[in-house]
Structures are given as structure tokens and as C-alpha cells.
């Protein structure tokens, strides 16, 4: 079990405003990461793809379908019970922050 494993309460600073989300993470023995992100506003849940971690650095991609289809590549740094970073999409960088719940 890695320090990234668990449920994270996150805020996404999207172009349309801040959105609350839940990020569920599970690390694998091969430095892989699986999980999903659920956006509270619309209930959309998306699976993490190509998840990898290296120490405190975590990356993944996800395919959003609302409000339109969009692939987002995320990069965050985990420090203790906090994470911060961003998602890259055609609209630019979307800041991501979060705190570990469990």
C-alpha cells in the first residue's frame, strides 16, 4: 500500500468555475495506479487510465464525456495528506488540489 491509496476530496478549478470531486486511488506493485474521479456537480464518474506513480509524483489520463468529449492528462504531486497539480486539456491547464479523506 502506498501513501496515495485512498479517497481524496478534490477541487478542480475549471474554466466554468470550481468543481468538487472525489478521487479514488489504488496503487499497484508495478508503480501503476487505478481508480476513478467522480465530479459531484453532475455525478460523472470516469476511470483513470495509464495511471503511474513515482514516489510522490502521480500521472494519469481520463476521458471526460460531459459537457463534451475530452481527454485530460493529469499530473499531481502528493505530499502527506495533500495533493496539487493540474490537468492538461485543449482548454489549457486546470488546477487540481485535494486532501486525503481515508
C-alpha atoms as a PDB file:
ATOM      1  CA  UNK A   1       0.000   0.000   0.000  1.00  0.00           C
ATOM      2  CA  UNK A   2       1.259   3.426  -0.988  1.00  0.00           C
ATOM      3  CA  UNK A   3       0.574   6.805   0.609  1.00  0.00           C
ATOM      4  CA  UNK A   4      -1.518   7.684  -2.463  1.00  0.00           C
ATOM      5  CA  UNK A   5      -4.058   4.909  -1.785  1.00  0.00           C
ATOM      6  CA  UNK A   6      -7.461   6.037  -0.580  1.00  0.00           C
ATOM      7  CA  UNK A   7     -10.173   8.602  -1.177  1.00  0.00           C
ATOM      8  CA  UNK A   8      -9.233  12.210  -1.888  1.00  0.00           C
ATOM      9  CA  UNK A   9     -11.571  15.220  -1.709  1.00  0.00           C
ATOM     10  CA  UNK A  10     -10.523  17.417  -4.625  1.00  0.00           C
ATOM     11  CA  UNK A  11     -11.293  20.775  -6.182  1.00  0.00           C
ATOM     12  CA  UNK A  12     -10.956  21.281  -9.925  1.00  0.00           C
ATOM     13  CA  UNK A  13     -10.588  24.919 -10.996  1.00  0.00           C
ATOM     14  CA  UNK A  14     -12.299  24.578 -14.392  1.00  0.00           C
ATOM     15  CA  UNK A  15     -12.945  27.419 -16.848  1.00  0.00           C
ATOM     16  CA  UNK A  16     -16.604  27.215 -15.726  1.00  0.00           C
ATOM     17  CA  UNK A  17     -15.721  27.602 -12.038  1.00  0.00           C
ATOM     18  CA  UNK A  18     -14.559  25.432  -9.159  1.00  0.00           C
ATOM     19  CA  UNK A  19     -15.968  21.911  -9.005  1.00  0.00           C
ATOM     20  CA  UNK A  20     -15.789  19.437  -6.123  1.00  0.00           C
ATOM     21  CA  UNK A  21     -14.753  15.894  -6.952  1.00  0.00           C
ATOM     22  CA  UNK A  22     -13.828  12.626  -5.280  1.00  0.00           C
ATOM     23  CA  UNK A  23     -10.668  10.860  -6.437  1.00  0.00           C
ATOM     24  CA  UNK A  24     -10.308   7.169  -5.527  1.00  0.00           C
ATOM     25  CA  UNK A  25      -6.755   5.805  -5.925  1.00  0.00           C
ATOM     26  CA  UNK A  26      -5.239   2.328  -5.620  1.00  0.00           C
ATOM     27  CA  UNK A  27      -1.547   1.719  -6.273  1.00  0.00           C
ATOM     28  CA  UNK A  28      -0.140  -1.463  -7.805  1.00  0.00           C
ATOM     29  CA  UNK A  29       3.144  -3.231  -7.090  1.00  0.00           C
ATOM     30  CA  UNK A  30       4.461  -2.184 -10.524  1.00  0.00           C
ATOM     31  CA  UNK A  31       4.011   1.584  -9.876  1.00  0.00           C
ATOM     32  CA  UNK A  32       0.652   1.522 -11.653  1.00  0.00           C
ATOM     33  CA  UNK A  33      -2.377   3.407 -10.359  1.00  0.00           C
ATOM     34  CA  UNK A  34      -6.044   2.573 -10.865  1.00  0.00           C
ATOM     35  CA  UNK A  35      -9.116   4.398  -9.678  1.00  0.00           C
ATOM     36  CA  UNK A  36     -11.719   6.909 -10.722  1.00  0.00           C
ATOM     37  CA  UNK A  37     -12.759  10.526 -10.414  1.00  0.00           C
ATOM     38  CA  UNK A  38     -16.359  11.461  -9.597  1.00  0.00           C
ATOM     39  CA  UNK A  39     -17.440  15.061 -10.176  1.00  0.00           C
ATOM     40  CA  UNK A  40     -20.119  15.939  -7.602  1.00  0.00           C
ATOM     41  CA  UNK A  41     -21.927  18.550  -9.730  1.00  0.00           C
ATOM     42  CA  UNK A  42     -23.038  16.178 -12.493  1.00  0.00           C
ATOM     43  CA  UNK A  43     -22.290  12.782 -10.934  1.00  0.00           C
ATOM     44  CA  UNK A  44     -19.953  11.895 -13.789  1.00  0.00           C
ATOM     45  CA  UNK A  45     -17.503   9.125 -12.866  1.00  0.00           C
ATOM     46  CA  UNK A  46     -14.515   8.481 -15.101  1.00  0.00           C
ATOM     47  CA  UNK A  47     -11.902   5.756 -14.824  1.00  0.00           C
ATOM     48  CA  UNK A  48      -8.242   6.667 -14.599  1.00  0.00           C
ATOM     49  CA  UNK A  49      -6.192   5.319 -17.492  1.00  0.00           C
ATOM     50  CA  UNK A  50      -2.432   4.896 -17.807  1.00  0.00           C
ATOM     51  CA  UNK A  51      -2.010   5.729 -14.112  1.00  0.00           C
ATOM     52  CA  UNK A  52       1.582   5.756 -12.830  1.00  0.00           C
ATOM     53  CA  UNK A  53       3.315   6.943  -9.684  1.00  0.00           C
ATOM     54  CA  UNK A  54       6.953   7.578  -8.906  1.00  0.00           C
ATOM     55  CA  UNK A  55       7.499   8.474  -5.279  1.00  0.00           C
ATOM     56  CA  UNK A  56       5.229  11.465  -4.771  1.00  0.00           C
ATOM     57  CA  UNK A  57       4.578  12.159  -8.494  1.00  0.00           C
ATOM     58  CA  UNK A  58       1.344  10.799  -9.946  1.00  0.00           C
ATOM     59  CA  UNK A  59       0.127  10.906 -13.558  1.00  0.00           C
ATOM     60  CA  UNK A  60      -2.946   9.582 -15.378  1.00  0.00           C
ATOM     61  CA  UNK A  61      -5.277  10.304 -18.268  1.00  0.00           C
ATOM     62  CA  UNK A  62      -9.064  10.268 -18.289  1.00  0.00           C
ATOM     63  CA  UNK A  63     -11.778  10.588 -20.898  1.00  0.00           C
ATOM     64  CA  UNK A  64     -14.495  13.066 -19.923  1.00  0.00           C
ATOM     65  CA  UNK A  65     -17.855  12.887 -21.691  1.00  0.00           C
ATOM     66  CA  UNK A  66     -19.671  15.884 -20.122  1.00  0.00           C
ATOM     67  CA  UNK A  67     -20.163  18.648 -21.120  1.00  0.00           C
ATOM     68  CA  UNK A  68     -18.323  17.295 -24.204  1.00  0.00           C
ATOM     69  CA  UNK A  69     -15.855  14.517 -25.001  1.00  0.00           C
ATOM     70  CA  UNK A  70     -12.385  15.494 -23.858  1.00  0.00           C
ATOM     71  CA  UNK A  71      -9.165  13.660 -22.951  1.00  0.00           C
ATOM     72  CA  UNK A  72      -7.354  15.131 -19.952  1.00  0.00           C
ATOM     73  CA  UNK A  73      -3.792  14.273 -18.894  1.00  0.00           C
ATOM     74  CA  UNK A  74      -3.262  14.886 -15.172  1.00  0.00           C
ATOM     75  CA  UNK A  75      -0.060  15.432 -13.208  1.00  0.00           C
ATOM     76  CA  UNK A  76      -0.095  15.895  -9.433  1.00  0.00           C
ATOM     77  CA  UNK A  77       2.354  15.806  -6.556  1.00  0.00           C
ATOM     78  CA  UNK A  78       1.343  14.088  -3.320  1.00  0.00           C
ATOM     79  CA  UNK A  79       2.815  15.452  -0.107  1.00  0.00           C
ATOM     80  CA  UNK A  80       1.454  13.794   3.017  1.00  0.00           C
ATOM     81  CA  UNK A  81      -2.329  14.191   3.023  1.00  0.00           C
ATOM     82  CA  UNK A  82      -2.370  16.858   0.288  1.00  0.00           C
ATOM     83  CA  UNK A  83      -2.079  16.775  -3.475  1.00  0.00           C
ATOM     84  CA  UNK A  84      -1.749  19.534  -6.045  1.00  0.00           C
ATOM     85  CA  UNK A  85      -1.147  19.767  -9.742  1.00  0.00           C
ATOM     86  CA  UNK A  86      -3.126  20.178 -12.926  1.00  0.00           C
ATOM     87  CA  UNK A  87      -4.931  18.537 -15.776  1.00  0.00           C
ATOM     88  CA  UNK A  88      -3.910  19.406 -19.347  1.00  0.00           C
ATOM     89  CA  UNK A  89      -6.609  19.604 -21.980  1.00  0.00           C
ATOM     90  CA  UNK A  90      -7.268  21.571 -25.144  1.00  0.00           C
ATOM     91  CA  UNK A  91      -8.689  24.347 -22.965  1.00  0.00           C
ATOM     92  CA  UNK A  92      -5.388  24.731 -21.089  1.00  0.00           C
ATOM     93  CA  UNK A  93      -4.320  23.752 -17.590  1.00  0.00           C
ATOM     94  CA  UNK A  94      -6.942  23.047 -14.939  1.00  0.00           C
ATOM     95  CA  UNK A  95      -5.531  23.294 -11.391  1.00  0.00           C
ATOM     96  CA  UNK A  96      -6.284  20.335  -9.106  1.00  0.00           C
ATOM     97  CA  UNK A  97      -5.945  20.372  -5.313  1.00  0.00           C
ATOM     98  CA  UNK A  98      -7.042  17.814  -2.768  1.00  0.00           C
ATOM     99  CA  UNK A  99      -6.849  16.400   0.725  1.00  0.00           C
ATOM    100  CA  UNK A 100      -6.927  12.753   1.725  1.00  0.00           C
ATOM    101  CA  UNK A 101     -10.134  11.621   3.426  1.00  0.00           C
ATOM    102  CA  UNK A 102      -9.230   7.956   4.050  1.00  0.00           C
END
